N, C-alpha and C. Protein backbone atom coordinates (compact mmCIF):
# COMPACT_ATOMS: atom_id res chain seq x y z
N MET A 1 -45.14 52.21 3.11
CA MET A 1 -43.90 52.37 3.20
C MET A 1 -43.40 53.29 2.05
N ASN A 2 -42.48 54.22 2.27
CA ASN A 2 -42.10 55.32 1.19
C ASN A 2 -40.62 54.90 0.81
N GLY A 3 -40.55 54.83 -0.54
CA GLY A 3 -39.20 54.88 -1.02
C GLY A 3 -38.35 53.53 -0.72
N GLY A 4 -37.23 53.42 -1.28
CA GLY A 4 -36.19 52.35 -0.79
C GLY A 4 -36.40 51.03 -1.57
N VAL A 5 -35.69 50.02 -1.07
CA VAL A 5 -35.62 48.75 -1.59
C VAL A 5 -35.71 47.76 -0.37
N SER A 6 -36.51 46.71 -0.47
CA SER A 6 -36.51 45.54 0.51
C SER A 6 -36.34 44.35 -0.38
N ILE A 7 -35.68 43.38 0.34
CA ILE A 7 -35.61 42.08 -0.20
C ILE A 7 -36.14 41.01 0.68
N HIS A 8 -36.99 40.15 0.26
CA HIS A 8 -37.75 39.08 1.10
C HIS A 8 -37.39 37.73 0.54
N VAL A 9 -36.72 36.69 1.09
CA VAL A 9 -36.49 35.31 0.45
C VAL A 9 -37.11 34.26 1.28
N VAL A 10 -37.94 33.51 0.45
CA VAL A 10 -38.53 32.43 0.97
C VAL A 10 -38.15 31.16 0.28
N ASP A 11 -37.75 29.92 0.88
CA ASP A 11 -37.57 28.76 0.48
C ASP A 11 -38.73 27.84 0.23
N VAL A 12 -39.22 28.15 -1.04
CA VAL A 12 -40.65 27.44 -1.33
C VAL A 12 -40.60 25.86 -1.01
N ALA A 13 -39.51 25.15 -1.17
CA ALA A 13 -39.48 23.79 -0.85
C ALA A 13 -39.90 23.43 0.57
N SER A 14 -39.44 24.29 1.46
CA SER A 14 -39.84 23.95 2.85
C SER A 14 -40.92 24.85 3.37
N GLY A 15 -41.25 26.02 2.71
CA GLY A 15 -42.36 26.95 3.14
C GLY A 15 -41.84 27.82 4.08
N GLN A 16 -40.57 27.86 4.43
CA GLN A 16 -39.97 28.76 5.46
C GLN A 16 -39.17 29.89 4.73
N VAL A 17 -39.01 31.18 5.50
CA VAL A 17 -38.07 31.95 4.96
C VAL A 17 -36.61 31.50 5.00
N ALA A 18 -35.79 32.06 4.16
CA ALA A 18 -34.42 31.56 4.15
C ALA A 18 -33.50 32.20 4.90
N GLU A 19 -33.85 32.09 6.28
CA GLU A 19 -33.19 32.71 7.30
C GLU A 19 -31.66 32.28 7.40
N GLY A 20 -30.87 33.36 7.46
CA GLY A 20 -29.29 32.92 7.44
C GLY A 20 -28.74 33.16 6.03
N MET A 21 -29.48 33.23 4.96
CA MET A 21 -28.85 33.23 3.60
C MET A 21 -28.19 34.44 3.52
N ALA A 22 -26.89 34.55 2.91
CA ALA A 22 -26.08 35.58 2.74
C ALA A 22 -26.58 36.30 1.45
N VAL A 23 -26.78 37.74 1.51
CA VAL A 23 -27.16 38.58 0.39
C VAL A 23 -26.40 39.71 0.50
N ARG A 24 -26.02 40.32 -0.88
CA ARG A 24 -25.33 41.52 -1.00
C ARG A 24 -26.03 42.35 -2.13
N VAL A 25 -25.88 43.76 -2.02
CA VAL A 25 -26.53 44.64 -2.89
C VAL A 25 -25.49 45.64 -3.47
N ARG A 26 -25.40 45.96 -4.73
CA ARG A 26 -24.53 46.89 -5.20
C ARG A 26 -25.01 47.64 -6.36
N ARG A 27 -24.59 48.84 -6.51
CA ARG A 27 -24.97 49.57 -7.80
C ARG A 27 -24.06 49.00 -8.87
N LEU A 28 -24.52 48.76 -10.00
CA LEU A 28 -23.92 48.06 -11.10
C LEU A 28 -22.47 48.71 -11.36
N GLY A 29 -21.46 47.88 -11.27
CA GLY A 29 -20.01 48.37 -11.50
C GLY A 29 -19.45 49.14 -10.20
N GLY A 30 -20.26 49.22 -9.07
CA GLY A 30 -19.82 49.74 -7.97
C GLY A 30 -19.39 49.01 -6.89
N ASP A 31 -19.12 49.66 -5.59
CA ASP A 31 -18.97 48.85 -4.35
C ASP A 31 -20.28 48.26 -3.84
N TRP A 32 -20.10 47.38 -2.93
CA TRP A 32 -21.29 46.96 -2.16
C TRP A 32 -22.10 47.94 -1.40
N LEU A 33 -23.29 48.06 -1.35
CA LEU A 33 -23.94 49.19 -0.62
C LEU A 33 -24.46 48.44 0.67
N CYS A 34 -24.90 47.25 0.58
CA CYS A 34 -25.39 46.55 1.64
C CYS A 34 -24.94 45.06 1.56
N GLN A 35 -24.79 44.44 2.73
CA GLN A 35 -24.57 42.98 2.71
C GLN A 35 -24.97 42.56 4.16
N GLY A 36 -25.51 41.27 4.07
CA GLY A 36 -25.86 40.67 5.48
C GLY A 36 -26.77 39.41 5.21
N ARG A 37 -27.39 39.15 6.23
CA ARG A 37 -28.18 37.83 6.07
C ARG A 37 -29.67 37.90 6.11
N ILE A 38 -30.36 37.16 5.61
CA ILE A 38 -31.86 37.10 5.77
C ILE A 38 -32.18 36.74 7.09
N GLY A 39 -33.10 37.59 7.59
CA GLY A 39 -33.49 37.45 9.13
C GLY A 39 -34.62 36.60 9.29
N GLY A 40 -34.98 36.38 10.54
CA GLY A 40 -36.09 35.43 10.77
C GLY A 40 -37.52 35.94 10.23
N ASN A 41 -37.70 37.18 9.84
CA ASN A 41 -38.76 37.69 9.33
C ASN A 41 -38.67 37.47 7.65
N GLY A 42 -37.69 36.92 7.15
CA GLY A 42 -37.33 36.77 5.56
C GLY A 42 -36.85 37.98 4.97
N LEU A 43 -36.43 39.15 5.73
CA LEU A 43 -36.13 40.37 5.04
C LEU A 43 -34.51 40.31 5.26
N LEU A 44 -33.83 41.16 4.33
CA LEU A 44 -32.29 41.40 4.54
C LEU A 44 -32.23 42.32 5.76
N ASP A 45 -31.60 41.77 6.61
CA ASP A 45 -31.16 42.82 7.78
C ASP A 45 -30.26 43.78 7.27
N GLY A 46 -30.54 45.03 7.79
CA GLY A 46 -29.72 46.26 7.44
C GLY A 46 -29.94 46.80 6.25
N LEU A 47 -30.91 46.39 5.41
CA LEU A 47 -31.23 47.13 3.96
C LEU A 47 -31.82 48.52 4.33
N PRO A 48 -32.75 48.67 5.33
CA PRO A 48 -33.37 49.95 5.48
C PRO A 48 -32.26 51.03 5.66
N GLU A 49 -31.14 50.64 6.54
CA GLU A 49 -30.18 51.67 6.87
C GLU A 49 -29.44 52.23 5.63
N CYS A 50 -29.38 51.53 4.58
CA CYS A 50 -28.59 52.04 3.44
C CYS A 50 -29.67 52.53 2.17
N ALA A 51 -30.79 52.76 2.66
CA ALA A 51 -31.87 53.23 1.75
C ALA A 51 -31.43 54.66 1.03
N ALA A 52 -30.85 55.38 1.74
CA ALA A 52 -30.27 56.64 1.06
C ALA A 52 -29.36 56.64 -0.05
N SER A 53 -28.65 55.32 -0.17
CA SER A 53 -27.67 55.05 -1.09
C SER A 53 -28.39 54.85 -2.48
N PHE A 54 -29.59 54.54 -2.61
CA PHE A 54 -30.23 54.13 -3.78
C PHE A 54 -30.94 55.27 -4.45
N GLY A 55 -30.20 55.63 -5.62
CA GLY A 55 -30.86 56.61 -6.58
C GLY A 55 -31.07 55.89 -7.85
N PRO A 56 -31.51 56.69 -8.70
CA PRO A 56 -31.86 56.02 -10.07
C PRO A 56 -30.47 55.21 -10.68
N GLY A 57 -30.88 54.11 -11.16
CA GLY A 57 -29.77 53.30 -11.69
C GLY A 57 -30.01 51.87 -11.67
N VAL A 58 -29.10 51.18 -12.12
CA VAL A 58 -29.07 49.74 -12.06
C VAL A 58 -28.27 49.07 -10.97
N TYR A 59 -28.81 48.14 -10.42
CA TYR A 59 -28.44 47.53 -9.16
C TYR A 59 -28.33 45.86 -9.49
N GLU A 60 -27.61 45.37 -8.63
CA GLU A 60 -27.32 43.79 -8.42
C GLU A 60 -27.41 43.26 -7.14
N VAL A 61 -28.27 42.06 -6.93
CA VAL A 61 -28.52 41.39 -5.66
C VAL A 61 -27.72 40.16 -6.01
N GLU A 62 -26.92 39.71 -5.04
CA GLU A 62 -26.41 38.35 -5.08
C GLU A 62 -26.90 37.62 -3.96
N LEU A 63 -27.45 36.61 -4.26
CA LEU A 63 -27.86 35.57 -3.26
C LEU A 63 -27.02 34.29 -3.13
N GLU A 64 -26.48 33.86 -1.94
CA GLU A 64 -25.58 32.76 -1.77
C GLU A 64 -26.57 31.61 -1.59
N VAL A 65 -27.07 30.94 -2.73
CA VAL A 65 -28.06 29.89 -2.78
C VAL A 65 -27.42 28.68 -2.44
N ALA A 66 -26.41 28.20 -2.96
CA ALA A 66 -25.74 27.06 -2.83
C ALA A 66 -25.26 26.89 -1.42
N ALA A 67 -24.47 27.73 -0.79
CA ALA A 67 -24.05 27.84 0.41
C ALA A 67 -25.11 27.76 1.46
N PHE A 68 -26.22 28.32 1.36
CA PHE A 68 -27.38 28.45 2.19
C PHE A 68 -27.78 26.91 2.35
N TYR A 69 -28.22 26.25 1.14
CA TYR A 69 -28.64 24.95 1.07
C TYR A 69 -27.68 23.88 1.80
N ARG A 70 -26.36 24.11 1.39
CA ARG A 70 -25.42 23.20 1.87
C ARG A 70 -25.37 23.30 3.41
N GLU A 71 -25.55 24.57 4.21
CA GLU A 71 -25.65 24.84 5.53
C GLU A 71 -26.71 24.07 6.20
N LEU A 72 -27.87 23.94 5.28
CA LEU A 72 -28.96 23.25 5.97
C LEU A 72 -28.86 21.65 5.89
N GLY A 73 -27.71 21.26 5.21
CA GLY A 73 -27.34 19.87 5.08
C GLY A 73 -27.89 19.19 3.76
N GLN A 74 -28.43 20.12 2.78
CA GLN A 74 -28.96 19.36 1.69
C GLN A 74 -27.81 19.13 0.64
N ALA A 75 -27.94 17.96 0.20
CA ALA A 75 -26.79 17.54 -0.81
C ALA A 75 -26.96 18.00 -2.11
N LEU A 76 -25.88 18.65 -2.42
CA LEU A 76 -25.89 19.42 -3.80
C LEU A 76 -24.69 18.83 -4.73
N PRO A 77 -24.81 18.84 -6.16
CA PRO A 77 -23.59 18.35 -6.84
C PRO A 77 -22.70 19.31 -6.60
N PRO A 78 -21.37 18.78 -6.88
CA PRO A 78 -20.20 19.65 -6.76
C PRO A 78 -20.14 20.90 -7.53
N VAL A 79 -20.91 21.01 -8.75
CA VAL A 79 -21.24 22.11 -9.43
C VAL A 79 -22.72 22.37 -9.38
N PRO A 80 -23.37 23.11 -8.48
CA PRO A 80 -24.63 23.27 -8.27
C PRO A 80 -25.29 24.12 -9.28
N PHE A 81 -26.62 23.79 -9.55
CA PHE A 81 -27.32 24.68 -10.44
C PHE A 81 -27.50 25.97 -10.24
N LEU A 82 -27.79 26.41 -8.91
CA LEU A 82 -27.76 27.72 -8.40
C LEU A 82 -26.71 27.78 -7.42
N ASP A 83 -25.61 28.45 -7.68
CA ASP A 83 -24.68 28.75 -6.68
C ASP A 83 -24.68 30.22 -6.15
N VAL A 84 -24.24 31.13 -6.81
CA VAL A 84 -24.44 32.58 -6.40
C VAL A 84 -25.26 33.09 -7.49
N LEU A 85 -26.56 33.28 -7.04
CA LEU A 85 -27.67 33.97 -7.94
C LEU A 85 -27.32 35.49 -8.07
N VAL A 86 -27.27 36.06 -9.24
CA VAL A 86 -27.10 37.37 -9.49
C VAL A 86 -28.29 37.85 -10.19
N TYR A 87 -29.08 38.86 -9.39
CA TYR A 87 -30.33 39.41 -10.01
C TYR A 87 -30.15 40.82 -10.25
N ARG A 88 -30.10 41.25 -11.53
CA ARG A 88 -30.03 42.55 -11.91
C ARG A 88 -31.36 43.37 -12.10
N PHE A 89 -31.44 44.60 -11.40
CA PHE A 89 -32.89 45.27 -11.56
C PHE A 89 -32.58 46.84 -11.61
N GLY A 90 -33.48 47.46 -12.23
CA GLY A 90 -33.37 48.97 -12.49
C GLY A 90 -34.31 49.75 -11.51
N LEU A 91 -33.76 50.90 -10.99
CA LEU A 91 -34.59 51.61 -10.11
C LEU A 91 -34.64 52.92 -10.70
N ASP A 92 -36.00 53.25 -11.06
CA ASP A 92 -36.07 54.52 -11.98
C ASP A 92 -36.57 55.67 -11.14
N ASP A 93 -37.35 55.34 -10.11
CA ASP A 93 -37.76 56.46 -9.20
C ASP A 93 -37.62 56.09 -7.64
N PRO A 94 -36.66 56.58 -7.04
CA PRO A 94 -36.41 56.30 -5.84
C PRO A 94 -37.41 56.63 -4.88
N ARG A 95 -38.30 57.48 -5.15
CA ARG A 95 -39.38 57.90 -4.14
C ARG A 95 -40.33 56.84 -3.99
N GLN A 96 -40.33 55.97 -4.94
CA GLN A 96 -41.30 54.65 -4.98
C GLN A 96 -40.59 53.49 -4.20
N HIS A 97 -41.25 52.68 -3.63
CA HIS A 97 -40.77 51.40 -2.91
C HIS A 97 -40.66 50.29 -3.83
N TYR A 98 -39.41 49.57 -3.93
CA TYR A 98 -39.20 48.60 -4.66
C TYR A 98 -38.94 47.27 -3.86
N HIS A 99 -39.93 46.38 -3.85
CA HIS A 99 -39.91 45.12 -3.15
C HIS A 99 -39.51 43.96 -4.03
N LEU A 100 -38.52 43.29 -3.53
CA LEU A 100 -38.10 42.07 -4.31
C LEU A 100 -38.25 40.76 -3.60
N PRO A 101 -39.33 40.17 -3.82
CA PRO A 101 -39.71 38.99 -3.13
C PRO A 101 -39.12 37.65 -4.03
N PHE A 102 -38.04 37.15 -3.54
CA PHE A 102 -37.35 35.99 -3.94
C PHE A 102 -37.95 34.74 -3.53
N LYS A 103 -38.47 33.69 -4.44
CA LYS A 103 -39.08 32.48 -4.11
C LYS A 103 -38.09 31.51 -4.64
N LEU A 104 -37.63 30.73 -4.00
CA LEU A 104 -36.46 29.77 -4.51
C LEU A 104 -36.42 28.40 -3.96
N THR A 105 -35.79 27.58 -4.60
CA THR A 105 -35.09 26.35 -4.16
C THR A 105 -33.68 26.14 -4.75
N ALA A 106 -33.10 25.03 -4.36
CA ALA A 106 -31.91 24.74 -5.04
C ALA A 106 -31.89 24.71 -6.40
N TRP A 107 -32.98 24.61 -7.11
CA TRP A 107 -33.16 24.26 -8.44
C TRP A 107 -33.86 25.33 -9.34
N GLY A 108 -34.39 26.30 -8.59
CA GLY A 108 -35.11 27.42 -9.39
C GLY A 108 -35.42 28.54 -8.63
N VAL A 109 -35.65 29.65 -9.28
CA VAL A 109 -36.19 31.01 -8.60
C VAL A 109 -37.14 31.77 -9.34
N SER A 110 -37.85 32.65 -8.62
CA SER A 110 -38.88 33.59 -9.11
C SER A 110 -38.67 34.76 -8.31
N CYS A 111 -38.77 35.97 -9.00
CA CYS A 111 -38.79 37.15 -8.50
C CYS A 111 -39.59 38.21 -9.21
N PHE A 112 -40.27 39.13 -8.62
CA PHE A 112 -41.04 40.30 -9.49
C PHE A 112 -40.94 41.42 -8.53
N ARG A 113 -41.30 42.63 -9.29
CA ARG A 113 -41.32 43.83 -8.37
C ARG A 113 -42.57 43.84 -7.69
N GLY A 114 -42.57 43.90 -6.38
CA GLY A 114 -43.70 44.30 -5.71
C GLY A 114 -43.57 45.61 -4.92
N GLY A 115 -44.41 46.13 -4.27
CA GLY A 115 -44.55 47.27 -3.39
C GLY A 115 -44.51 48.48 -4.20
N ALA A 116 -45.15 48.32 -5.45
CA ALA A 116 -45.29 49.60 -6.27
C ALA A 116 -46.17 50.55 -5.68
């Protein structure tokens, strides 16, 4: 895989991909570059189509965590621990591939740079 950004989200509590979770990506301070939902393969649908939009810079990913778990029927407090998760990352060399594998529950998250 050459260049670009990919986002993969897994609900580690169930061991399943977070299919249907709403996700948005934007350059810091800019408009949304991509937005969509996590597909059955765990990847953000439509992200490859906006790959040309990614140059060097700082970006933010927003994951609608609380809405996702509420749609699954999980009871969350009125003020959830993770509501909209904002993850900021830097992209130095757009010729490399930046893979963001999010592992989460309604109570925690882990992410690292994969695909180097």
